[in-house]
Amino acid sequence: MEKFLRLSVEKQNIIINAALICFGTNGYKKASIGDIANTAGVSKALIFHYFGTKKALYLYLIELCLDIFVDTINEKFDSSVTDFFDRIKLVTDIEISIMEKHPSMPSFLKSMYFENDEEVKDDIKVMLANDKGENLRNKLYEGIDTFKFKDDIEPKMVIRILGLLTDGYLSKIRGTGFDLDALLKEFDEYMNLFKRNFYKKKYR
């Protein structure tokens, strides 16, 4: 790892992006160091030289993604935004800003969450349950208002609905030829629609 970190940021990113693409597309088991090396345009031996094993590279990517999320959220998160839907919009904007800088990351993370390979699945659980991951989740939803909802609306169910909606938008943004401003405008319209239908009248 020390040898890898001594590379220029540009050379590091070439290998990192190649690994994110291959693991994100094929999953841990089917992705090979050879595939990653070919995608990065380097030799297979060089990848082993820097990381030692495929597992070490995979776990490094998870740690890197968590660090990027934590750093970006610490930089852009505004805890004074307490309205439920405004907070969701803020978090989505942060996710989009990360994805614009690291377009290969979302597919890797999605693949990682559903990874069941025996070699890495326990490590994934430990890494996602550590203080860094737990503190990140707490920060995103700490202090968020739920009292504005109608009495028969369950906020946790709304969060699940919005998660599906956000995933749909992020998948569109990962493609090509999309109009980001139009998508964000449409997303805002959905947030306003939910407010009008899920909030008590005086809070709409």
N, C-alpha and C. Protein backbone atom coordinates (compact mmCIF):
# COMPACT_ATOMS: atom_id res chain seq x y z
N MET A 1 0.81 -1.21 0.00
CA MET A 1 0.00 0.00 0.00
C MET A 1 0.85 1.26 0.00
N GLU A 2 1.96 1.24 0.74
CA GLU A 2 2.81 2.42 0.79
C GLU A 2 3.34 2.77 -0.59
N LYS A 3 3.69 1.75 -1.37
CA LYS A 3 4.19 1.98 -2.73
C LYS A 3 3.10 2.57 -3.61
N PHE A 4 1.88 2.07 -3.44
CA PHE A 4 0.76 2.60 -4.22
C PHE A 4 0.51 4.06 -3.87
N LEU A 5 0.55 4.39 -2.60
CA LEU A 5 0.28 5.76 -2.16
C LEU A 5 1.38 6.73 -2.54
N ARG A 6 2.55 6.22 -2.92
CA ARG A 6 3.62 7.10 -3.39
C ARG A 6 3.46 7.46 -4.86
N LEU A 7 2.53 6.79 -5.55
CA LEU A 7 2.24 7.16 -6.95
C LEU A 7 1.58 8.53 -7.00
N SER A 8 1.61 9.16 -8.16
CA SER A 8 0.89 10.41 -8.32
C SER A 8 -0.61 10.15 -8.18
N VAL A 9 -1.36 11.16 -7.80
CA VAL A 9 -2.81 11.01 -7.63
C VAL A 9 -3.44 10.55 -8.94
N GLU A 10 -2.94 11.07 -10.06
CA GLU A 10 -3.48 10.69 -11.36
C GLU A 10 -3.32 9.20 -11.62
N LYS A 11 -2.15 8.64 -11.32
CA LYS A 11 -1.91 7.22 -11.54
C LYS A 11 -2.71 6.36 -10.56
N GLN A 12 -2.81 6.83 -9.32
CA GLN A 12 -3.65 6.12 -8.36
C GLN A 12 -5.09 6.04 -8.85
N ASN A 13 -5.61 7.16 -9.34
CA ASN A 13 -7.02 7.21 -9.76
C ASN A 13 -7.31 6.29 -10.94
N ILE A 14 -6.32 6.12 -11.83
CA ILE A 14 -6.51 5.22 -12.97
C ILE A 14 -6.76 3.80 -12.48
N ILE A 15 -5.96 3.36 -11.53
CA ILE A 15 -6.11 2.01 -10.98
C ILE A 15 -7.38 1.90 -10.14
N ILE A 16 -7.64 2.91 -9.32
CA ILE A 16 -8.84 2.90 -8.47
C ILE A 16 -10.10 2.84 -9.32
N ASN A 17 -10.19 3.68 -10.34
CA ASN A 17 -11.39 3.70 -11.19
C ASN A 17 -11.57 2.38 -11.93
N ALA A 18 -10.46 1.80 -12.38
CA ALA A 18 -10.54 0.50 -13.06
C ALA A 18 -11.07 -0.57 -12.11
N ALA A 19 -10.60 -0.56 -10.89
CA ALA A 19 -11.05 -1.54 -9.90
C ALA A 19 -12.52 -1.32 -9.54
N LEU A 20 -12.93 -0.08 -9.38
CA LEU A 20 -14.33 0.22 -9.08
C LEU A 20 -15.25 -0.28 -10.20
N ILE A 21 -14.83 -0.07 -11.43
CA ILE A 21 -15.62 -0.49 -12.59
C ILE A 21 -15.74 -2.02 -12.62
N CYS A 22 -14.63 -2.71 -12.47
CA CYS A 22 -14.64 -4.17 -12.59
C CYS A 22 -15.40 -4.83 -11.44
N PHE A 23 -15.16 -4.39 -10.22
CA PHE A 23 -15.89 -4.96 -9.09
C PHE A 23 -17.36 -4.58 -9.15
N GLY A 24 -17.64 -3.33 -9.55
CA GLY A 24 -19.02 -2.89 -9.63
C GLY A 24 -19.81 -3.61 -10.69
N THR A 25 -19.17 -3.98 -11.78
CA THR A 25 -19.83 -4.67 -12.89
C THR A 25 -19.97 -6.16 -12.65
N ASN A 26 -18.91 -6.78 -12.11
CA ASN A 26 -18.85 -8.24 -12.03
C ASN A 26 -18.99 -8.82 -10.63
N GLY A 27 -18.93 -7.97 -9.61
CA GLY A 27 -18.92 -8.50 -8.24
C GLY A 27 -17.54 -8.98 -7.86
N TYR A 28 -17.36 -9.30 -6.57
CA TYR A 28 -16.03 -9.65 -6.09
C TYR A 28 -15.48 -10.93 -6.73
N LYS A 29 -16.29 -11.98 -6.77
CA LYS A 29 -15.79 -13.28 -7.21
C LYS A 29 -15.39 -13.28 -8.68
N LYS A 30 -16.23 -12.69 -9.53
CA LYS A 30 -15.99 -12.75 -10.97
C LYS A 30 -14.97 -11.73 -11.46
N ALA A 31 -14.80 -10.65 -10.72
CA ALA A 31 -13.79 -9.66 -11.12
C ALA A 31 -12.40 -10.23 -10.85
N SER A 32 -11.51 -10.07 -11.79
CA SER A 32 -10.15 -10.59 -11.62
C SER A 32 -9.14 -9.45 -11.66
N ILE A 33 -7.99 -9.71 -11.08
CA ILE A 33 -6.91 -8.72 -11.13
C ILE A 33 -6.51 -8.47 -12.58
N GLY A 34 -6.58 -9.52 -13.41
CA GLY A 34 -6.28 -9.36 -14.83
C GLY A 34 -7.22 -8.37 -15.50
N ASP A 35 -8.52 -8.49 -15.19
CA ASP A 35 -9.51 -7.56 -15.75
C ASP A 35 -9.21 -6.12 -15.32
N ILE A 36 -8.90 -5.97 -14.04
CA ILE A 36 -8.60 -4.64 -13.50
C ILE A 36 -7.36 -4.07 -14.16
N ALA A 37 -6.33 -4.90 -14.30
CA ALA A 37 -5.09 -4.45 -14.94
C ALA A 37 -5.33 -4.03 -16.39
N ASN A 38 -6.11 -4.82 -17.13
CA ASN A 38 -6.41 -4.48 -18.52
C ASN A 38 -7.19 -3.17 -18.62
N THR A 39 -8.15 -2.99 -17.73
CA THR A 39 -8.95 -1.77 -17.73
C THR A 39 -8.09 -0.56 -17.40
N ALA A 40 -7.13 -0.75 -16.49
CA ALA A 40 -6.26 0.36 -16.08
C ALA A 40 -5.10 0.58 -17.05
N GLY A 41 -4.84 -0.40 -17.91
CA GLY A 41 -3.73 -0.28 -18.84
C GLY A 41 -2.38 -0.49 -18.19
N VAL A 42 -2.37 -1.35 -17.14
CA VAL A 42 -1.10 -1.67 -16.46
C VAL A 42 -0.97 -3.19 -16.41
N SER A 43 0.15 -3.66 -15.91
CA SER A 43 0.35 -5.10 -15.84
C SER A 43 -0.32 -5.69 -14.60
N LYS A 44 -0.70 -6.93 -14.72
CA LYS A 44 -1.30 -7.67 -13.60
C LYS A 44 -0.32 -7.73 -12.42
N ALA A 45 0.95 -7.93 -12.74
CA ALA A 45 1.97 -8.03 -11.69
C ALA A 45 2.06 -6.74 -10.88
N LEU A 46 1.82 -5.61 -11.56
CA LEU A 46 1.92 -4.31 -10.88
C LEU A 46 0.81 -4.16 -9.85
N ILE A 47 -0.39 -4.63 -10.17
CA ILE A 47 -1.50 -4.55 -9.22
C ILE A 47 -1.17 -5.39 -7.98
N PHE A 48 -0.66 -6.61 -8.21
CA PHE A 48 -0.27 -7.45 -7.08
C PHE A 48 0.87 -6.81 -6.29
N HIS A 49 1.77 -6.13 -6.99
CA HIS A 49 2.89 -5.45 -6.34
C HIS A 49 2.39 -4.39 -5.36
N TYR A 50 1.34 -3.67 -5.75
CA TYR A 50 0.82 -2.60 -4.92
C TYR A 50 -0.09 -3.09 -3.79
N PHE A 51 -0.90 -4.12 -4.05
CA PHE A 51 -1.92 -4.52 -3.08
C PHE A 51 -1.74 -5.93 -2.51
N GLY A 52 -0.99 -6.78 -3.16
CA GLY A 52 -0.74 -8.12 -2.64
C GLY A 52 -1.82 -9.11 -3.02
N THR A 53 -3.08 -8.79 -2.73
CA THR A 53 -4.18 -9.71 -3.03
C THR A 53 -5.38 -8.94 -3.56
N LYS A 54 -6.27 -9.66 -4.22
CA LYS A 54 -7.52 -9.05 -4.70
C LYS A 54 -8.35 -8.57 -3.51
N LYS A 55 -8.37 -9.36 -2.44
CA LYS A 55 -9.15 -8.98 -1.26
C LYS A 55 -8.64 -7.68 -0.67
N ALA A 56 -7.33 -7.51 -0.58
CA ALA A 56 -6.77 -6.27 -0.01
C ALA A 56 -7.17 -5.07 -0.85
N LEU A 57 -7.17 -5.21 -2.17
CA LEU A 57 -7.60 -4.13 -3.05
C LEU A 57 -9.08 -3.82 -2.83
N TYR A 58 -9.89 -4.85 -2.74
CA TYR A 58 -11.34 -4.67 -2.57
C TYR A 58 -11.64 -3.94 -1.26
N LEU A 59 -11.02 -4.36 -0.18
CA LEU A 59 -11.26 -3.73 1.12
C LEU A 59 -10.73 -2.30 1.15
N TYR A 60 -9.64 -2.08 0.44
CA TYR A 60 -9.11 -0.71 0.32
C TYR A 60 -10.13 0.21 -0.35
N LEU A 61 -10.80 -0.30 -1.38
CA LEU A 61 -11.79 0.50 -2.10
C LEU A 61 -12.97 0.86 -1.19
N ILE A 62 -13.40 -0.10 -0.37
CA ILE A 62 -14.49 0.19 0.56
C ILE A 62 -14.09 1.30 1.53
N GLU A 63 -12.89 1.16 2.08
CA GLU A 63 -12.40 2.17 3.02
C GLU A 63 -12.28 3.53 2.35
N LEU A 64 -11.81 3.54 1.12
CA LEU A 64 -11.65 4.79 0.37
C LEU A 64 -13.01 5.45 0.13
N CYS A 65 -14.00 4.66 -0.28
CA CYS A 65 -15.34 5.21 -0.54
C CYS A 65 -15.95 5.80 0.74
N LEU A 66 -15.79 5.09 1.85
CA LEU A 66 -16.30 5.61 3.12
C LEU A 66 -15.63 6.93 3.48
N ASP A 67 -14.32 7.00 3.28
CA ASP A 67 -13.58 8.23 3.59
C ASP A 67 -14.06 9.39 2.72
N ILE A 68 -14.30 9.11 1.44
CA ILE A 68 -14.76 10.16 0.54
C ILE A 68 -16.13 10.66 0.96
N PHE A 69 -17.03 9.74 1.30
CA PHE A 69 -18.36 10.14 1.76
C PHE A 69 -18.28 10.96 3.03
N VAL A 70 -17.50 10.50 4.00
CA VAL A 70 -17.38 11.21 5.27
C VAL A 70 -16.80 12.60 5.06
N ASP A 71 -15.73 12.71 4.29
CA ASP A 71 -15.09 14.00 4.05
C ASP A 71 -16.03 14.97 3.34
N THR A 72 -16.75 14.47 2.33
CA THR A 72 -17.65 15.34 1.56
C THR A 72 -18.83 15.78 2.42
N ILE A 73 -19.37 14.87 3.20
CA ILE A 73 -20.50 15.23 4.07
C ILE A 73 -20.05 16.22 5.14
N ASN A 74 -18.88 16.01 5.72
CA ASN A 74 -18.37 16.96 6.71
C ASN A 74 -18.20 18.35 6.11
N GLU A 75 -17.85 18.38 4.82
CA GLU A 75 -17.64 19.66 4.15
C GLU A 75 -18.96 20.34 3.78
N LYS A 76 -19.95 19.57 3.34
CA LYS A 76 -21.15 20.16 2.74
C LYS A 76 -22.43 20.02 3.57
N PHE A 77 -22.40 19.19 4.61
CA PHE A 77 -23.62 18.95 5.36
C PHE A 77 -23.99 20.15 6.21
N ASP A 78 -25.29 20.44 6.28
CA ASP A 78 -25.80 21.59 7.05
C ASP A 78 -26.86 21.07 8.02
N SER A 79 -26.48 20.93 9.28
CA SER A 79 -27.39 20.36 10.28
C SER A 79 -28.57 21.27 10.59
N SER A 80 -28.50 22.55 10.17
CA SER A 80 -29.63 23.45 10.41
C SER A 80 -30.80 23.16 9.49
N VAL A 81 -30.58 22.35 8.45
CA VAL A 81 -31.67 21.91 7.57
C VAL A 81 -32.35 20.73 8.26
N THR A 82 -33.47 20.99 8.94
CA THR A 82 -34.12 19.95 9.73
C THR A 82 -35.41 19.42 9.10
N ASP A 83 -35.98 20.15 8.14
CA ASP A 83 -37.18 19.64 7.48
C ASP A 83 -36.86 18.31 6.80
N PHE A 84 -37.73 17.33 6.96
CA PHE A 84 -37.49 15.97 6.47
C PHE A 84 -37.13 15.96 4.99
N PHE A 85 -37.94 16.58 4.16
CA PHE A 85 -37.73 16.51 2.72
C PHE A 85 -36.58 17.41 2.26
N ASP A 86 -36.37 18.51 2.97
CA ASP A 86 -35.22 19.36 2.65
C ASP A 86 -33.92 18.64 2.99
N ARG A 87 -33.94 17.84 4.07
CA ARG A 87 -32.74 17.07 4.44
C ARG A 87 -32.46 16.00 3.38
N ILE A 88 -33.51 15.32 2.90
CA ILE A 88 -33.34 14.32 1.85
C ILE A 88 -32.74 14.97 0.61
N LYS A 89 -33.23 16.15 0.28
CA LYS A 89 -32.72 16.88 -0.90
C LYS A 89 -31.25 17.24 -0.71
N LEU A 90 -30.88 17.69 0.49
CA LEU A 90 -29.50 18.04 0.78
C LEU A 90 -28.59 16.82 0.64
N VAL A 91 -28.99 15.69 1.21
CA VAL A 91 -28.19 14.48 1.14
C VAL A 91 -28.05 14.01 -0.31
N THR A 92 -29.14 14.12 -1.07
CA THR A 92 -29.09 13.73 -2.49
C THR A 92 -28.13 14.62 -3.27
N ASP A 93 -28.16 15.91 -2.99
CA ASP A 93 -27.24 16.84 -3.66
C ASP A 93 -25.78 16.47 -3.35
N ILE A 94 -25.52 16.09 -2.11
CA ILE A 94 -24.16 15.69 -1.73
C ILE A 94 -23.76 14.41 -2.47
N GLU A 95 -24.69 13.44 -2.54
CA GLU A 95 -24.41 12.20 -3.27
C GLU A 95 -24.10 12.48 -4.73
N ILE A 96 -24.85 13.40 -5.34
CA ILE A 96 -24.62 13.74 -6.75
C ILE A 96 -23.25 14.39 -6.93
N SER A 97 -22.88 15.26 -6.00
CA SER A 97 -21.57 15.92 -6.09
C SER A 97 -20.43 14.90 -6.00
N ILE A 98 -20.62 13.87 -5.17
CA ILE A 98 -19.62 12.81 -5.07
C ILE A 98 -19.56 12.02 -6.36
N MET A 99 -20.72 11.70 -6.90
CA MET A 99 -20.79 10.89 -8.11
C MET A 99 -20.21 11.61 -9.32
N GLU A 100 -20.38 12.93 -9.35
CA GLU A 100 -19.82 13.70 -10.47
C GLU A 100 -18.29 13.63 -10.46
N LYS A 101 -17.70 13.57 -9.26
CA LYS A 101 -16.25 13.46 -9.15
C LYS A 101 -15.77 12.03 -9.29
N HIS A 102 -16.61 11.07 -8.88
CA HIS A 102 -16.23 9.65 -8.86
C HIS A 102 -17.35 8.83 -9.50
N PRO A 103 -17.52 8.90 -10.81
CA PRO A 103 -18.67 8.27 -11.47
C PRO A 103 -18.73 6.75 -11.36
N SER A 104 -17.61 6.12 -11.05
CA SER A 104 -17.61 4.65 -10.95
C SER A 104 -17.97 4.16 -9.55
N MET A 105 -18.06 5.06 -8.60
CA MET A 105 -18.27 4.65 -7.22
C MET A 105 -19.67 4.09 -6.93
N PRO A 106 -20.75 4.69 -7.42
CA PRO A 106 -22.09 4.17 -7.06
C PRO A 106 -22.32 2.72 -7.43
N SER A 107 -21.90 2.30 -8.62
CA SER A 107 -22.11 0.90 -9.02
C SER A 107 -21.30 -0.05 -8.14
N PHE A 108 -20.10 0.39 -7.74
CA PHE A 108 -19.29 -0.43 -6.83
C PHE A 108 -19.98 -0.59 -5.48
N LEU A 109 -20.48 0.52 -4.93
CA LEU A 109 -21.13 0.47 -3.62
C LEU A 109 -22.40 -0.38 -3.66
N LYS A 110 -23.16 -0.23 -4.74
CA LYS A 110 -24.38 -1.03 -4.87
C LYS A 110 -24.04 -2.52 -4.91
N SER A 111 -22.99 -2.87 -5.67
CA SER A 111 -22.55 -4.26 -5.74
C SER A 111 -22.06 -4.75 -4.39
N MET A 112 -21.33 -3.88 -3.68
CA MET A 112 -20.78 -4.25 -2.38
C MET A 112 -21.87 -4.57 -1.37
N TYR A 113 -22.95 -3.78 -1.36
CA TYR A 113 -24.02 -3.98 -0.39
C TYR A 113 -24.68 -5.36 -0.54
N PHE A 114 -24.64 -5.92 -1.75
CA PHE A 114 -25.28 -7.21 -2.00
C PHE A 114 -24.26 -8.35 -2.17
N GLU A 115 -23.00 -8.06 -1.84
CA GLU A 115 -21.95 -9.06 -2.01
C GLU A 115 -22.06 -10.16 -0.95
N ASN A 116 -22.07 -11.41 -1.41
CA ASN A 116 -22.21 -12.54 -0.49
C ASN A 116 -21.02 -13.50 -0.54
N ASP A 117 -19.96 -13.13 -1.23
CA ASP A 117 -18.81 -14.02 -1.31
C ASP A 117 -18.22 -14.24 0.08
N GLU A 118 -17.97 -15.49 0.41
CA GLU A 118 -17.49 -15.86 1.75
C GLU A 118 -16.18 -15.17 2.11
N GLU A 119 -15.38 -14.87 1.10
CA GLU A 119 -14.06 -14.31 1.37
C GLU A 119 -14.13 -12.88 1.92
N VAL A 120 -15.20 -12.15 1.58
CA VAL A 120 -15.25 -10.75 1.97
C VAL A 120 -16.51 -10.32 2.73
N LYS A 121 -17.55 -11.15 2.75
CA LYS A 121 -18.83 -10.67 3.28
C LYS A 121 -18.75 -10.29 4.76
N ASP A 122 -17.99 -11.03 5.55
CA ASP A 122 -17.87 -10.68 6.98
C ASP A 122 -17.08 -9.39 7.15
N ASP A 123 -16.06 -9.20 6.32
CA ASP A 123 -15.27 -7.95 6.39
C ASP A 123 -16.14 -6.75 6.04
N ILE A 124 -17.02 -6.92 5.04
CA ILE A 124 -17.91 -5.84 4.64
C ILE A 124 -18.81 -5.44 5.80
N LYS A 125 -19.39 -6.43 6.48
CA LYS A 125 -20.29 -6.16 7.61
C LYS A 125 -19.56 -5.38 8.70
N VAL A 126 -18.34 -5.80 8.99
CA VAL A 126 -17.56 -5.13 10.04
C VAL A 126 -17.26 -3.69 9.64
N MET A 127 -16.87 -3.47 8.40
CA MET A 127 -16.50 -2.13 7.95
C MET A 127 -17.71 -1.19 7.92
N LEU A 128 -18.87 -1.71 7.54
CA LEU A 128 -20.06 -0.87 7.48
C LEU A 128 -20.64 -0.61 8.88
N ALA A 129 -20.32 -1.48 9.83
CA ALA A 129 -20.85 -1.32 11.19
C ALA A 129 -19.89 -0.58 12.11
N ASN A 130 -18.72 -0.18 11.58
CA ASN A 130 -17.76 0.49 12.45
C ASN A 130 -18.21 1.90 12.80
N ASP A 131 -17.45 2.57 13.63
CA ASP A 131 -17.83 3.90 14.10
C ASP A 131 -17.99 4.89 12.95
N LYS A 132 -17.15 4.74 11.92
CA LYS A 132 -17.21 5.67 10.80
C LYS A 132 -18.55 5.57 10.08
N GLY A 133 -18.96 4.33 9.76
CA GLY A 133 -20.23 4.13 9.08
C GLY A 133 -21.42 4.51 9.95
N GLU A 134 -21.37 4.13 11.22
CA GLU A 134 -22.47 4.43 12.13
C GLU A 134 -22.60 5.93 12.37
N ASN A 135 -21.47 6.61 12.57
CA ASN A 135 -21.51 8.05 12.78
C ASN A 135 -22.03 8.79 11.55
N LEU A 136 -21.71 8.25 10.36
CA LEU A 136 -22.18 8.87 9.12
C LEU A 136 -23.70 8.76 9.04
N ARG A 137 -24.25 7.58 9.31
CA ARG A 137 -25.71 7.41 9.27
C ARG A 137 -26.40 8.30 10.31
N ASN A 138 -25.83 8.36 11.51
CA ASN A 138 -26.42 9.19 12.56
C ASN A 138 -26.42 10.66 12.18
N LYS A 139 -25.33 11.09 11.57
CA LYS A 139 -25.22 12.50 11.20
C LYS A 139 -26.26 12.89 10.14
N LEU A 140 -26.50 12.01 9.20
CA LEU A 140 -27.42 12.31 8.11
C LEU A 140 -28.85 12.50 8.61
N TYR A 141 -29.24 11.75 9.63
CA TYR A 141 -30.64 11.77 10.06
C TYR A 141 -30.85 12.34 11.46
N GLU A 142 -29.77 12.74 12.12
CA GLU A 142 -29.90 13.32 13.45
C GLU A 142 -30.58 14.70 13.36
N GLY A 143 -31.55 14.93 14.23
CA GLY A 143 -32.21 16.23 14.29
C GLY A 143 -33.23 16.48 13.20
N ILE A 144 -33.57 15.47 12.43
CA ILE A 144 -34.51 15.64 11.33
C ILE A 144 -35.95 15.68 11.90
N ASP A 145 -36.78 16.57 11.36
CA ASP A 145 -38.16 16.72 11.82
C ASP A 145 -39.05 15.61 11.28
N THR A 146 -39.80 14.97 12.16
CA THR A 146 -40.82 14.01 11.72
C THR A 146 -42.21 14.39 12.23
N PHE A 147 -42.29 15.40 13.09
CA PHE A 147 -43.59 15.76 13.68
C PHE A 147 -44.53 16.41 12.67
N LYS A 148 -44.00 16.83 11.52
CA LYS A 148 -44.84 17.48 10.52
C LYS A 148 -45.72 16.49 9.75
N PHE A 149 -45.38 15.20 9.84
CA PHE A 149 -46.14 14.20 9.09
C PHE A 149 -47.55 14.03 9.65
N LYS A 150 -48.46 13.66 8.77
CA LYS A 150 -49.79 13.27 9.22
C LYS A 150 -49.66 12.08 10.16
N ASP A 151 -50.63 11.92 11.04
CA ASP A 151 -50.54 10.89 12.07
C ASP A 151 -50.49 9.47 11.50
N ASP A 152 -51.07 9.27 10.32
CA ASP A 152 -51.11 7.92 9.74
C ASP A 152 -49.96 7.65 8.77
N ILE A 153 -48.97 8.54 8.73
CA ILE A 153 -47.81 8.37 7.84
C ILE A 153 -46.62 7.90 8.66
N GLU A 154 -45.99 6.82 8.23
CA GLU A 154 -44.81 6.28 8.91
C GLU A 154 -43.54 6.81 8.23
N PRO A 155 -42.75 7.67 8.90
CA PRO A 155 -41.56 8.25 8.28
C PRO A 155 -40.57 7.22 7.73
N LYS A 156 -40.39 6.08 8.41
CA LYS A 156 -39.44 5.08 7.93
C LYS A 156 -39.86 4.52 6.58
N MET A 157 -41.17 4.39 6.36
CA MET A 157 -41.65 3.91 5.08
C MET A 157 -41.39 4.96 3.99
N VAL A 158 -41.53 6.23 4.35
CA VAL A 158 -41.26 7.32 3.40
C VAL A 158 -39.78 7.30 3.02
N ILE A 159 -38.92 7.05 3.99
CA ILE A 159 -37.48 6.97 3.72
C ILE A 159 -37.20 5.86 2.71
N ARG A 160 -37.86 4.71 2.86
CA ARG A 160 -37.65 3.61 1.91
C ARG A 160 -38.13 3.98 0.51
N ILE A 161 -39.27 4.67 0.43
CA ILE A 161 -39.79 5.11 -0.87
C ILE A 161 -38.81 6.08 -1.52
N LEU A 162 -38.32 7.03 -0.72
CA LEU A 162 -37.39 8.03 -1.26
C LEU A 162 -36.06 7.39 -1.65
N GLY A 163 -35.67 6.34 -0.94
CA GLY A 163 -34.44 5.63 -1.31
C GLY A 163 -34.55 5.04 -2.70
N LEU A 164 -35.70 4.44 -2.99
CA LEU A 164 -35.93 3.87 -4.33
C LEU A 164 -35.96 4.97 -5.39
N LEU A 165 -36.60 6.08 -5.04
CA LEU A 165 -36.67 7.21 -5.98
C LEU A 165 -35.28 7.77 -6.26
N THR A 166 -34.51 7.95 -5.20
CA THR A 166 -33.15 8.49 -5.35
C THR A 166 -32.27 7.56 -6.17
N ASP A 167 -32.38 6.25 -5.91
CA ASP A 167 -31.60 5.28 -6.68
C ASP A 167 -31.93 5.37 -8.17
N GLY A 168 -33.22 5.58 -8.46
CA GLY A 168 -33.63 5.71 -9.86
C GLY A 168 -33.01 6.92 -10.52
N TYR A 169 -32.98 8.04 -9.81
CA TYR A 169 -32.37 9.24 -10.37
C TYR A 169 -30.87 9.10 -10.52
N LEU A 170 -30.24 8.49 -9.52
CA LEU A 170 -28.79 8.31 -9.60
C LEU A 170 -28.41 7.39 -10.75
N SER A 171 -29.26 6.38 -11.03
CA SER A 171 -28.97 5.49 -12.15
C SER A 171 -29.09 6.23 -13.48
N LYS A 172 -30.01 7.18 -13.57
CA LYS A 172 -30.12 8.00 -14.78
C LYS A 172 -28.89 8.87 -14.96
N ILE A 173 -28.43 9.44 -13.85
CA ILE A 173 -27.28 10.34 -13.91
C ILE A 173 -26.01 9.58 -14.28
N ARG A 174 -25.95 8.28 -13.92
CA ARG A 174 -24.78 7.48 -14.28
C ARG A 174 -24.72 7.21 -15.78
N GLY A 175 -25.84 7.38 -16.46
CA GLY A 175 -25.85 7.18 -17.90
C GLY A 175 -25.30 8.38 -18.64
N THR A 176 -25.50 8.39 -19.94
CA THR A 176 -25.00 9.49 -20.75
C THR A 176 -26.17 10.21 -21.38
N GLY A 177 -25.96 11.47 -21.71
CA GLY A 177 -26.96 12.24 -22.41
C GLY A 177 -28.10 12.74 -21.53
N PHE A 178 -27.92 12.71 -20.21
CA PHE A 178 -28.97 13.17 -19.31
C PHE A 178 -28.88 14.69 -19.13
N ASP A 179 -30.01 15.30 -18.77
CA ASP A 179 -30.07 16.73 -18.46
C ASP A 179 -30.15 16.84 -16.94
N LEU A 180 -29.02 17.13 -16.29
CA LEU A 180 -28.96 17.14 -14.83
C LEU A 180 -29.91 18.17 -14.24
N ASP A 181 -29.97 19.36 -14.81
CA ASP A 181 -30.85 20.40 -14.27
C ASP A 181 -32.30 19.97 -14.34
N ALA A 182 -32.69 19.32 -15.44
CA ALA A 182 -34.07 18.86 -15.59
C ALA A 182 -34.40 17.76 -14.57
N LEU A 183 -33.44 16.85 -14.34
CA LEU A 183 -33.65 15.79 -13.37
C LEU A 183 -33.79 16.35 -11.95
N LEU A 184 -32.95 17.30 -11.61
CA LEU A 184 -33.01 17.89 -10.27
C LEU A 184 -34.30 18.68 -10.08
N LYS A 185 -34.74 19.35 -11.12
CA LYS A 185 -36.01 20.08 -11.05
C LYS A 185 -37.16 19.11 -10.82
N GLU A 186 -37.15 17.99 -11.54
CA GLU A 186 -38.19 16.98 -11.38
C GLU A 186 -38.15 16.38 -9.97
N PHE A 187 -36.94 16.14 -9.46
CA PHE A 187 -36.79 15.61 -8.11
C PHE A 187 -37.38 16.57 -7.08
N ASP A 188 -37.13 17.87 -7.25
CA ASP A 188 -37.69 18.89 -6.36
C ASP A 188 -39.22 18.87 -6.40
N GLU A 189 -39.76 18.67 -7.59
CA GLU A 189 -41.23 18.62 -7.73
C GLU A 189 -41.80 17.43 -6.95
N TYR A 190 -41.09 16.30 -6.97
CA TYR A 190 -41.54 15.14 -6.20
C TYR A 190 -41.48 15.43 -4.70
N MET A 191 -40.42 16.11 -4.25
CA MET A 191 -40.32 16.46 -2.84
C MET A 191 -41.50 17.34 -2.42
N ASN A 192 -41.85 18.30 -3.25
CA ASN A 192 -42.98 19.18 -2.95
C ASN A 192 -44.29 18.41 -2.96
N LEU A 193 -44.41 17.45 -3.87
CA LEU A 193 -45.61 16.61 -3.93
C LEU A 193 -45.77 15.80 -2.64
N PHE A 194 -44.65 15.22 -2.18
CA PHE A 194 -44.70 14.45 -0.94
C PHE A 194 -45.07 15.34 0.25
N LYS A 195 -44.50 16.53 0.28
CA LYS A 195 -44.84 17.46 1.36
C LYS A 195 -46.33 17.73 1.40
N ARG A 196 -46.91 18.01 0.25
CA ARG A 196 -48.33 18.36 0.18
C ARG A 196 -49.22 17.20 0.61
N ASN A 197 -48.77 15.98 0.38
CA ASN A 197 -49.61 14.82 0.66
C ASN A 197 -49.30 14.12 1.99
N PHE A 198 -48.07 14.26 2.48
CA PHE A 198 -47.68 13.55 3.69
C PHE A 198 -47.66 14.43 4.94
N TYR A 199 -47.51 15.74 4.74
CA TYR A 199 -47.45 16.65 5.90
C TYR A 199 -48.85 17.08 6.36
N LYS A 200 -48.94 17.42 7.62
CA LYS A 200 -50.14 18.06 8.13
C LYS A 200 -50.34 19.39 7.41
N LYS A 201 -51.56 19.81 7.30
CA LYS A 201 -51.92 20.95 6.45
C LYS A 201 -51.10 22.20 6.77
N LYS A 202 -50.89 22.48 8.04
CA LYS A 202 -50.22 23.73 8.43
C LYS A 202 -48.73 23.73 8.09
N TYR A 203 -48.15 22.58 7.73
CA TYR A 203 -46.72 22.50 7.41
C TYR A 203 -46.44 22.36 5.93
N ARG A 204 -47.48 22.30 5.09
CA ARG A 204 -47.26 22.07 3.66
C ARG A 204 -46.66 23.31 3.00
